[in-house]
Amino acid sequence: MNRAGVAAPVYCAEGIQVLRAPTLAVDGWAQRTVTDPARIGELEDLYVSLGFETMTTGLDPSSFGEACTTCAVSACATYVALFTRKITTD
């Protein structure tokens, strides 16, 4: 609850672990979003046009929290996370 006594919203993405995220972060990748795989291509194209490399990885359904209901778990288990990093010209 917040100071006004109103329950704070719970977002589905809170606490959901992204597979490979720690390893990717070490290599300079930043997590941008989690979405349905059917939409990920649009976002990849956008980030590439802005000068980024892109990479996607799955979610870890075993980490979905109590805020996720049965339908969210079954739907979100197929979602992917998008990571980007600036293209370097070494």
PDB file of N, CA and C in Angstrom:
ATOM      1  N   MET A   1       0.844  -1.190   0.000  1.00  0.00           N
ATOM      2  CA  MET A   1       0.000   0.000   0.000  1.00  0.00           C
ATOM      3  C   MET A   1       0.883   1.244   0.000  1.00  0.00           C
ATOM      4  N   ASN A   2       0.380   2.280  -0.672  1.00  0.00           N
ATOM      5  CA  ASN A   2       1.123   3.530  -0.680  1.00  0.00           C
ATOM      6  C   ASN A   2       0.701   4.386   0.516  1.00  0.00           C
ATOM      7  N   ARG A   3       1.208   5.612   0.590  1.00  0.00           N
ATOM      8  CA  ARG A   3       0.922   6.481   1.750  1.00  0.00           C
ATOM      9  C   ARG A   3      -0.559   6.800   1.900  1.00  0.00           C
ATOM     10  N   ALA A   4      -1.293   6.824   0.798  1.00  0.00           N
ATOM     11  CA  ALA A   4      -2.724   7.134   0.853  1.00  0.00           C
ATOM     12  C   ALA A   4      -3.556   5.913   1.226  1.00  0.00           C
ATOM     13  N   GLY A   5      -2.906   4.777   1.470  1.00  0.00           N
ATOM     14  CA  GLY A   5      -3.618   3.572   1.845  1.00  0.00           C
ATOM     15  C   GLY A   5      -4.183   2.798   0.668  1.00  0.00           C
ATOM     16  N   VAL A   6      -3.763   3.176  -0.535  1.00  0.00           N
ATOM     17  CA  VAL A   6      -4.234   2.501  -1.736  1.00  0.00           C
ATOM     18  C   VAL A   6      -3.224   1.435  -2.116  1.00  0.00           C
ATOM     19  N   ALA A   7      -3.729   0.271  -2.470  1.00  0.00           N
ATOM     20  CA  ALA A   7      -2.828  -0.812  -2.858  1.00  0.00           C
ATOM     21  C   ALA A   7      -2.050  -0.420  -4.107  1.00  0.00           C
ATOM     22  N   ALA A   8      -0.754  -0.657  -4.081  1.00  0.00           N
ATOM     23  CA  ALA A   8       0.097  -0.358  -5.232  1.00  0.00           C
ATOM     24  C   ALA A   8      -0.181  -1.371  -6.339  1.00  0.00           C
ATOM     25  N   PRO A   9      -0.124  -0.928  -7.590  1.00  0.00           N
ATOM     26  CA  PRO A   9      -0.360  -1.875  -8.683  1.00  0.00           C
ATOM     27  C   PRO A   9       0.752  -2.912  -8.744  1.00  0.00           C
ATOM     28  N   VAL A  10       0.399  -4.090  -9.185  1.00  0.00           N
ATOM     29  CA  VAL A  10       1.373  -5.166  -9.370  1.00  0.00           C
ATOM     30  C   VAL A  10       1.495  -5.395 -10.860  1.00  0.00           C
ATOM     31  N   TYR A  11       2.696  -5.330 -11.361  1.00  0.00           N
ATOM     32  CA  TYR A  11       2.938  -5.524 -12.781  1.00  0.00           C
ATOM     33  C   TYR A  11       3.450  -6.927 -13.022  1.00  0.00           C
ATOM     34  N   CYS A  12       3.008  -7.527 -14.104  1.00  0.00           N
ATOM     35  CA  CYS A  12       3.380  -8.906 -14.408  1.00  0.00           C
ATOM     36  C   CYS A  12       4.882  -9.096 -14.481  1.00  0.00           C
ATOM     37  N   ALA A  13       5.629  -8.111 -14.976  1.00  0.00           N
ATOM     38  CA  ALA A  13       7.061  -8.274 -15.190  1.00  0.00           C
ATOM     39  C   ALA A  13       7.861  -8.227 -13.892  1.00  0.00           C
ATOM     40  N   GLU A  14       7.267  -7.798 -12.795  1.00  0.00           N
ATOM     41  CA  GLU A  14       8.019  -7.710 -11.549  1.00  0.00           C
ATOM     42  C   GLU A  14       8.446  -9.089 -11.099  1.00  0.00           C
ATOM     43  N   GLY A  15       9.726  -9.261 -10.946  1.00  0.00           N
ATOM     44  CA  GLY A  15      10.248 -10.507 -10.417  1.00  0.00           C
ATOM     45  C   GLY A  15      10.453 -11.607 -11.436  1.00  0.00           C
ATOM     46  N   ILE A  16      10.017 -11.415 -12.670  1.00  0.00           N
ATOM     47  CA  ILE A  16      10.213 -12.454 -13.676  1.00  0.00           C
ATOM     48  C   ILE A  16      11.671 -12.420 -14.129  1.00  0.00           C
ATOM     49  N   GLN A  17      12.303 -13.552 -14.063  1.00  0.00           N
ATOM     50  CA  GLN A  17      13.702 -13.646 -14.457  1.00  0.00           C
ATOM     51  C   GLN A  17      13.823 -13.918 -15.949  1.00  0.00           C
ATOM     52  N   VAL A  18      14.748 -13.235 -16.578  1.00  0.00           N
ATOM     53  CA  VAL A  18      15.019 -13.435 -17.987  1.00  0.00           C
ATOM     54  C   VAL A  18      16.226 -14.355 -18.105  1.00  0.00           C
ATOM     55  N   LEU A  19      16.059 -15.413 -18.879  1.00  0.00           N
ATOM     56  CA  LEU A  19      17.166 -16.347 -19.061  1.00  0.00           C
ATOM     57  C   LEU A  19      18.365 -15.616 -19.659  1.00  0.00           C
ATOM     58  N   ARG A  20      19.545 -15.905 -19.194  1.00  0.00           N
ATOM     59  CA  ARG A  20      20.805 -15.346 -19.679  1.00  0.00           C
ATOM     60  C   ARG A  20      21.008 -13.877 -19.342  1.00  0.00           C
ATOM     61  N   ALA A  21      20.091 -13.205 -18.675  1.00  0.00           N
ATOM     62  CA  ALA A  21      20.213 -11.768 -18.417  1.00  0.00           C
ATOM     63  C   ALA A  21      21.508 -11.389 -17.713  1.00  0.00           C
ATOM     64  N   PRO A  22      21.912 -12.088 -16.645  1.00  0.00           N
ATOM     65  CA  PRO A  22      23.156 -11.689 -15.977  1.00  0.00           C
ATOM     66  C   PRO A  22      24.377 -11.776 -16.889  1.00  0.00           C
ATOM     67  N   THR A  23      24.442 -12.822 -17.687  1.00  0.00           N
ATOM     68  CA  THR A  23      25.572 -12.984 -18.607  1.00  0.00           C
ATOM     69  C   THR A  23      25.554 -11.891 -19.670  1.00  0.00           C
ATOM     70  N   LEU A  24      24.389 -11.583 -20.193  1.00  0.00           N
ATOM     71  CA  LEU A  24      24.281 -10.552 -21.217  1.00  0.00           C
ATOM     72  C   LEU A  24      24.648  -9.178 -20.668  1.00  0.00           C
ATOM     73  N   ALA A  25      24.252  -8.877 -19.445  1.00  0.00           N
ATOM     74  CA  ALA A  25      24.567  -7.587 -18.831  1.00  0.00           C
ATOM     75  C   ALA A  25      26.073  -7.400 -18.706  1.00  0.00           C
ATOM     76  N   VAL A  26      26.769  -8.453 -18.339  1.00  0.00           N
ATOM     77  CA  VAL A  26      28.229  -8.389 -18.210  1.00  0.00           C
ATOM     78  C   VAL A  26      28.863  -8.042 -19.554  1.00  0.00           C
ATOM     79  N   ASP A  27      28.253  -8.497 -20.630  1.00  0.00           N
ATOM     80  CA  ASP A  27      28.772  -8.248 -21.971  1.00  0.00           C
ATOM     81  C   ASP A  27      28.263  -6.942 -22.583  1.00  0.00           C
ATOM     82  N   GLY A  28      27.620  -6.098 -21.766  1.00  0.00           N
ATOM     83  CA  GLY A  28      27.208  -4.784 -22.228  1.00  0.00           C
ATOM     84  C   GLY A  28      25.810  -4.674 -22.800  1.00  0.00           C
ATOM     85  N   TRP A  29      25.018  -5.731 -22.691  1.00  0.00           N
ATOM     86  CA  TRP A  29      23.653  -5.710 -23.202  1.00  0.00           C
ATOM     87  C   TRP A  29      22.715  -5.099 -22.170  1.00  0.00           C
ATOM     88  N   ALA A  30      21.736  -4.313 -22.632  1.00  0.00           N
ATOM     89  CA  ALA A  30      20.723  -3.712 -21.754  1.00  0.00           C
ATOM     90  C   ALA A  30      19.361  -4.282 -22.121  1.00  0.00           C
ATOM     91  N   GLN A  31      18.607  -4.713 -21.114  1.00  0.00           N
ATOM     92  CA  GLN A  31      17.271  -5.235 -21.376  1.00  0.00           C
ATOM     93  C   GLN A  31      16.351  -4.076 -21.710  1.00  0.00           C
ATOM     94  N   ARG A  32      15.602  -4.204 -22.810  1.00  0.00           N
ATOM     95  CA  ARG A  32      14.704  -3.139 -23.249  1.00  0.00           C
ATOM     96  C   ARG A  32      13.240  -3.452 -22.991  1.00  0.00           C
ATOM     97  N   THR A  33      12.801  -4.667 -23.286  1.00  0.00           N
ATOM     98  CA  THR A  33      11.384  -4.991 -23.123  1.00  0.00           C
ATOM     99  C   THR A  33      11.182  -6.493 -23.140  1.00  0.00           C
ATOM    100  N   VAL A  34       9.992  -6.901 -22.755  1.00  0.00           N
ATOM    101  CA  VAL A  34       9.547  -8.291 -22.858  1.00  0.00           C
ATOM    102  C   VAL A  34       8.251  -8.247 -23.642  1.00  0.00           C
ATOM    103  N   THR A  35       8.148  -9.068 -24.677  1.00  0.00           N
ATOM    104  CA  THR A  35       6.956  -9.011 -25.525  1.00  0.00           C
ATOM    105  C   THR A  35       6.710 -10.330 -26.234  1.00  0.00           C
ATOM    106  N   ASP A  36       5.594 -10.374 -26.923  1.00  0.00           N
ATOM    107  CA  ASP A  36       5.213 -11.521 -27.729  1.00  0.00           C
ATOM    108  C   ASP A  36       6.192 -11.665 -28.896  1.00  0.00           C
ATOM    109  N   PRO A  37       6.635 -12.863 -29.206  1.00  0.00           N
ATOM    110  CA  PRO A  37       7.601 -13.045 -30.299  1.00  0.00           C
ATOM    111  C   PRO A  37       7.101 -12.529 -31.646  1.00  0.00           C
ATOM    112  N   ALA A  38       5.796 -12.470 -31.849  1.00  0.00           N
ATOM    113  CA  ALA A  38       5.264 -11.979 -33.118  1.00  0.00           C
ATOM    114  C   ALA A  38       5.556 -10.494 -33.333  1.00  0.00           C
ATOM    115  N   ARG A  39       5.837  -9.750 -32.258  1.00  0.00           N
ATOM    116  CA  ARG A  39       6.085  -8.305 -32.353  1.00  0.00           C
ATOM    117  C   ARG A  39       7.547  -7.950 -32.232  1.00  0.00           C
ATOM    118  N   ILE A  40       8.380  -8.894 -31.896  1.00  0.00           N
ATOM    119  CA  ILE A  40       9.773  -8.582 -31.592  1.00  0.00           C
ATOM    120  C   ILE A  40      10.540  -8.078 -32.816  1.00  0.00           C
ATOM    121  N   GLY A  41      10.188  -8.556 -34.005  1.00  0.00           N
ATOM    122  CA  GLY A  41      10.881  -8.138 -35.218  1.00  0.00           C
ATOM    123  C   GLY A  41      10.797  -6.639 -35.461  1.00  0.00           C
ATOM    124  N   GLU A  42       9.637  -6.054 -35.178  1.00  0.00           N
ATOM    125  CA  GLU A  42       9.464  -4.611 -35.333  1.00  0.00           C
ATOM    126  C   GLU A  42      10.419  -3.846 -34.430  1.00  0.00           C
ATOM    127  N   LEU A  43      10.533  -4.299 -33.203  1.00  0.00           N
ATOM    128  CA  LEU A  43      11.413  -3.628 -32.250  1.00  0.00           C
ATOM    129  C   LEU A  43      12.880  -3.820 -32.615  1.00  0.00           C
ATOM    130  N   GLU A  44      13.220  -5.018 -33.068  1.00  0.00           N
ATOM    131  CA  GLU A  44      14.598  -5.247 -33.509  1.00  0.00           C
ATOM    132  C   GLU A  44      14.947  -4.310 -34.661  1.00  0.00           C
ATOM    133  N   ASP A  45      14.062  -4.180 -35.630  1.00  0.00           N
ATOM    134  CA  ASP A  45      14.302  -3.278 -36.760  1.00  0.00           C
ATOM    135  C   ASP A  45      14.496  -1.837 -36.291  1.00  0.00           C
ATOM    136  N   LEU A  46      13.675  -1.408 -35.346  1.00  0.00           N
ATOM    137  CA  LEU A  46      13.781  -0.049 -34.819  1.00  0.00           C
ATOM    138  C   LEU A  46      15.138   0.173 -34.167  1.00  0.00           C
ATOM    139  N   TYR A  47      15.522  -0.722 -33.264  1.00  0.00           N
ATOM    140  CA  TYR A  47      16.797  -0.548 -32.565  1.00  0.00           C
ATOM    141  C   TYR A  47      17.989  -0.644 -33.514  1.00  0.00           C
ATOM    142  N   VAL A  48      17.934  -1.519 -34.504  1.00  0.00           N
ATOM    143  CA  VAL A  48      19.011  -1.605 -35.488  1.00  0.00           C
ATOM    144  C   VAL A  48      19.118  -0.282 -36.250  1.00  0.00           C
ATOM    145  N   SER A  49      17.986   0.315 -36.608  1.00  0.00           N
ATOM    146  CA  SER A  49      18.012   1.591 -37.331  1.00  0.00           C
ATOM    147  C   SER A  49      18.589   2.718 -36.478  1.00  0.00           C
ATOM    148  N   LEU A  50      18.562   2.548 -35.156  1.00  0.00           N
ATOM    149  CA  LEU A  50      19.117   3.542 -34.239  1.00  0.00           C
ATOM    150  C   LEU A  50      20.577   3.253 -33.880  1.00  0.00           C
ATOM    151  N   GLY A  51      21.152   2.209 -34.492  1.00  0.00           N
ATOM    152  CA  GLY A  51      22.564   1.920 -34.275  1.00  0.00           C
ATOM    153  C   GLY A  51      22.865   0.923 -33.175  1.00  0.00           C
ATOM    154  N   PHE A  52      21.920   0.046 -32.874  1.00  0.00           N
ATOM    155  CA  PHE A  52      22.112  -0.958 -31.830  1.00  0.00           C
ATOM    156  C   PHE A  52      22.182  -2.360 -32.422  1.00  0.00           C
ATOM    157  N   GLU A  53      22.914  -3.221 -31.749  1.00  0.00           N
ATOM    158  CA  GLU A  53      22.811  -4.661 -31.979  1.00  0.00           C
ATOM    159  C   GLU A  53      21.621  -5.126 -31.152  1.00  0.00           C
ATOM    160  N   THR A  54      20.968  -6.200 -31.561  1.00  0.00           N
ATOM    161  CA  THR A  54      19.864  -6.741 -30.772  1.00  0.00           C
ATOM    162  C   THR A  54      20.060  -8.224 -30.521  1.00  0.00           C
ATOM    163  N   MET A  55      19.477  -8.687 -29.436  1.00  0.00           N
ATOM    164  CA  MET A  55      19.497 -10.101 -29.080  1.00  0.00           C
ATOM    165  C   MET A  55      18.225 -10.396 -28.299  1.00  0.00           C
ATOM    166  N   THR A  56      17.658 -11.556 -28.507  1.00  0.00           N
ATOM    167  CA  THR A  56      16.479 -11.963 -27.743  1.00  0.00           C
ATOM    168  C   THR A  56      16.789 -13.224 -26.955  1.00  0.00           C
ATOM    169  N   THR A  57      16.064 -13.395 -25.867  1.00  0.00           N
ATOM    170  CA  THR A  57      16.185 -14.589 -25.045  1.00  0.00           C
ATOM    171  C   THR A  57      14.853 -14.842 -24.355  1.00  0.00           C
ATOM    172  N   GLY A  58      14.654 -16.061 -23.906  1.00  0.00           N
ATOM    173  CA  GLY A  58      13.399 -16.432 -23.271  1.00  0.00           C
ATOM    174  C   GLY A  58      13.307 -15.999 -21.818  1.00  0.00           C
ATOM    175  N   LEU A  59      12.140 -16.246 -21.236  1.00  0.00           N
ATOM    176  CA  LEU A  59      11.896 -15.982 -19.824  1.00  0.00           C
ATOM    177  C   LEU A  59      11.988 -17.290 -19.063  1.00  0.00           C
ATOM    178  N   ASP A  60      12.102 -17.194 -17.762  1.00  0.00           N
ATOM    179  CA  ASP A  60      12.153 -18.372 -16.908  1.00  0.00           C
ATOM    180  C   ASP A  60      10.804 -18.520 -16.206  1.00  0.00           C
ATOM    181  N   PRO A  61       9.880 -19.313 -16.758  1.00  0.00           N
ATOM    182  CA  PRO A  61       8.537 -19.425 -16.173  1.00  0.00           C
ATOM    183  C   PRO A  61       8.542 -19.871 -14.713  1.00  0.00           C
ATOM    184  N   SER A  62       9.569 -20.558 -14.266  1.00  0.00           N
ATOM    185  CA  SER A  62       9.610 -20.989 -12.862  1.00  0.00           C
ATOM    186  C   SER A  62       9.785 -19.808 -11.919  1.00  0.00           C
ATOM    187  N   SER A  63      10.138 -18.637 -12.439  1.00  0.00           N
ATOM    188  CA  SER A  63      10.329 -17.466 -11.581  1.00  0.00           C
ATOM    189  C   SER A  63       9.115 -16.544 -11.555  1.00  0.00           C
ATOM    190  N   PHE A  64       8.061 -16.867 -12.309  1.00  0.00           N
ATOM    191  CA  PHE A  64       6.883 -16.000 -12.333  1.00  0.00           C
ATOM    192  C   PHE A  64       6.286 -15.924 -10.937  1.00  0.00           C
ATOM    193  N   GLY A  65       5.986 -14.730 -10.493  1.00  0.00           N
ATOM    194  CA  GLY A  65       5.505 -14.512  -9.139  1.00  0.00           C
ATOM    195  C   GLY A  65       4.022 -14.747  -8.964  1.00  0.00           C
ATOM    196  N   GLU A  66       3.555 -14.447  -7.749  1.00  0.00           N
ATOM    197  CA  GLU A  66       2.152 -14.661  -7.398  1.00  0.00           C
ATOM    198  C   GLU A  66       1.215 -13.778  -8.206  1.00  0.00           C
ATOM    199  N   ALA A  67       1.713 -12.661  -8.742  1.00  0.00           N
ATOM    200  CA  ALA A  67       0.871 -11.758  -9.523  1.00  0.00           C
ATOM    201  C   ALA A  67       0.450 -12.390 -10.837  1.00  0.00           C
ATOM    202  N   CYS A  68       1.155 -13.415 -11.259  1.00  0.00           N
ATOM    203  CA  CYS A  68       0.834 -14.077 -12.523  1.00  0.00           C
ATOM    204  C   CYS A  68      -0.240 -15.141 -12.290  1.00  0.00           C
ATOM    205  N   THR A  69      -1.321 -15.007 -13.007  1.00  0.00           N
ATOM    206  CA  THR A  69      -2.377 -16.006 -12.924  1.00  0.00           C
ATOM    207  C   THR A  69      -2.086 -17.107 -13.933  1.00  0.00           C
ATOM    208  N   THR A  70      -2.886 -18.132 -13.938  1.00  0.00           N
ATOM    209  CA  THR A  70      -2.679 -19.265 -14.836  1.00  0.00           C
ATOM    210  C   THR A  70      -2.614 -18.815 -16.289  1.00  0.00           C
ATOM    211  N   CYS A  71      -3.508 -17.921 -16.699  1.00  0.00           N
ATOM    212  CA  CYS A  71      -3.505 -17.498 -18.109  1.00  0.00           C
ATOM    213  C   CYS A  71      -2.241 -16.720 -18.437  1.00  0.00           C
ATOM    214  N   ALA A  72      -1.771 -15.871 -17.528  1.00  0.00           N
ATOM    215  CA  ALA A  72      -0.548 -15.108 -17.787  1.00  0.00           C
ATOM    216  C   ALA A  72       0.657 -16.026 -17.872  1.00  0.00           C
ATOM    217  N   VAL A  73       0.716 -17.007 -17.011  1.00  0.00           N
ATOM    218  CA  VAL A  73       1.845 -17.930 -17.036  1.00  0.00           C
ATOM    219  C   VAL A  73       1.879 -18.681 -18.357  1.00  0.00           C
ATOM    220  N   SER A  74       0.734 -19.142 -18.824  1.00  0.00           N
ATOM    221  CA  SER A  74       0.729 -19.895 -20.083  1.00  0.00           C
ATOM    222  C   SER A  74       1.033 -18.986 -21.267  1.00  0.00           C
ATOM    223  N   ALA A  75       0.568 -17.752 -21.249  1.00  0.00           N
ATOM    224  CA  ALA A  75       0.833 -16.827 -22.356  1.00  0.00           C
ATOM    225  C   ALA A  75       2.253 -16.285 -22.305  1.00  0.00           C
ATOM    226  N   CYS A  76       2.684 -15.833 -21.147  1.00  0.00           N
ATOM    227  CA  CYS A  76       3.986 -15.184 -21.029  1.00  0.00           C
ATOM    228  C   CYS A  76       5.153 -16.155 -21.133  1.00  0.00           C
ATOM    229  N   ALA A  77       4.914 -17.418 -20.944  1.00  0.00           N
ATOM    230  CA  ALA A  77       5.998 -18.401 -21.048  1.00  0.00           C
ATOM    231  C   ALA A  77       6.586 -18.420 -22.451  1.00  0.00           C
ATOM    232  N   THR A  78       5.828 -17.962 -23.432  1.00  0.00           N
ATOM    233  CA  THR A  78       6.334 -17.929 -24.805  1.00  0.00           C
ATOM    234  C   THR A  78       6.960 -16.584 -25.160  1.00  0.00           C
ATOM    235  N   TYR A  79       6.848 -15.592 -24.292  1.00  0.00           N
ATOM    236  CA  TYR A  79       7.383 -14.258 -24.571  1.00  0.00           C
ATOM    237  C   TYR A  79       8.906 -14.286 -24.608  1.00  0.00           C
ATOM    238  N   VAL A  80       9.463 -13.258 -25.214  1.00  0.00           N
ATOM    239  CA  VAL A  80      10.914 -13.114 -25.275  1.00  0.00           C
ATOM    240  C   VAL A  80      11.302 -11.738 -24.766  1.00  0.00           C
ATOM    241  N   ALA A  81      12.530 -11.651 -24.295  1.00  0.00           N
ATOM    242  CA  ALA A  81      13.082 -10.380 -23.848  1.00  0.00           C
ATOM    243  C   ALA A  81      14.019  -9.857 -24.929  1.00  0.00           C
ATOM    244  N   LEU A  82      13.978  -8.551 -25.143  1.00  0.00           N
ATOM    245  CA  LEU A  82      14.844  -7.911 -26.127  1.00  0.00           C
ATOM    246  C   LEU A  82      15.953  -7.165 -25.398  1.00  0.00           C
ATOM    247  N   PHE A  83      17.178  -7.416 -25.826  1.00  0.00           N
ATOM    248  CA  PHE A  83      18.359  -6.733 -25.301  1.00  0.00           C
ATOM    249  C   PHE A  83      19.020  -5.973 -26.434  1.00  0.00           C
ATOM    250  N   THR A  84      19.639  -4.842 -26.097  1.00  0.00           N
ATOM    251  CA  THR A  84      20.371  -4.079 -27.102  1.00  0.00           C
ATOM    252  C   THR A  84      21.724  -3.655 -26.530  1.00  0.00           C
ATOM    253  N   ARG A  85      22.625  -3.351 -27.446  1.00  0.00           N
ATOM    254  CA  ARG A  85      23.868  -2.670 -27.074  1.00  0.00           C
ATOM    255  C   ARG A  85      24.335  -1.904 -28.294  1.00  0.00           C
ATOM    256  N   LYS A  86      25.036  -0.799 -28.029  1.00  0.00           N
ATOM    257  CA  LYS A  86      25.537   0.029 -29.118  1.00  0.00           C
ATOM    258  C   LYS A  86      26.537  -0.758 -29.940  1.00  0.00           C
ATOM    259  N   ILE A  87      26.459  -0.599 -31.234  1.00  0.00           N
ATOM    260  CA  ILE A  87      27.428  -1.247 -32.129  1.00  0.00           C
ATOM    261  C   ILE A  87      28.753  -0.522 -31.983  1.00  0.00           C
ATOM    262  N   THR A  88      29.799  -1.290 -31.722  1.00  0.00           N
ATOM    263  CA  THR A  88      31.133  -0.717 -31.592  1.00  0.00           C
ATOM    264  C   THR A  88      31.901  -0.930 -32.878  1.00  0.00           C
ATOM    265  N   THR A  89      32.694   0.045 -33.225  1.00  0.00           N
ATOM    266  CA  THR A  89      33.507  -0.064 -34.442  1.00  0.00           C
ATOM    267  C   THR A  89      34.970  -0.076 -34.054  1.00  0.00           C
ATOM    268  N   ASP A  90      35.373  -1.194 -33.463  1.00  0.00           N
ATOM    269  CA  ASP A  90      36.768  -1.327 -33.008  1.00  0.00           C
ATOM    270  C   ASP A  90      37.715  -1.505 -34.159  1.00  0.00           C
TER     271      ASP A  90
END
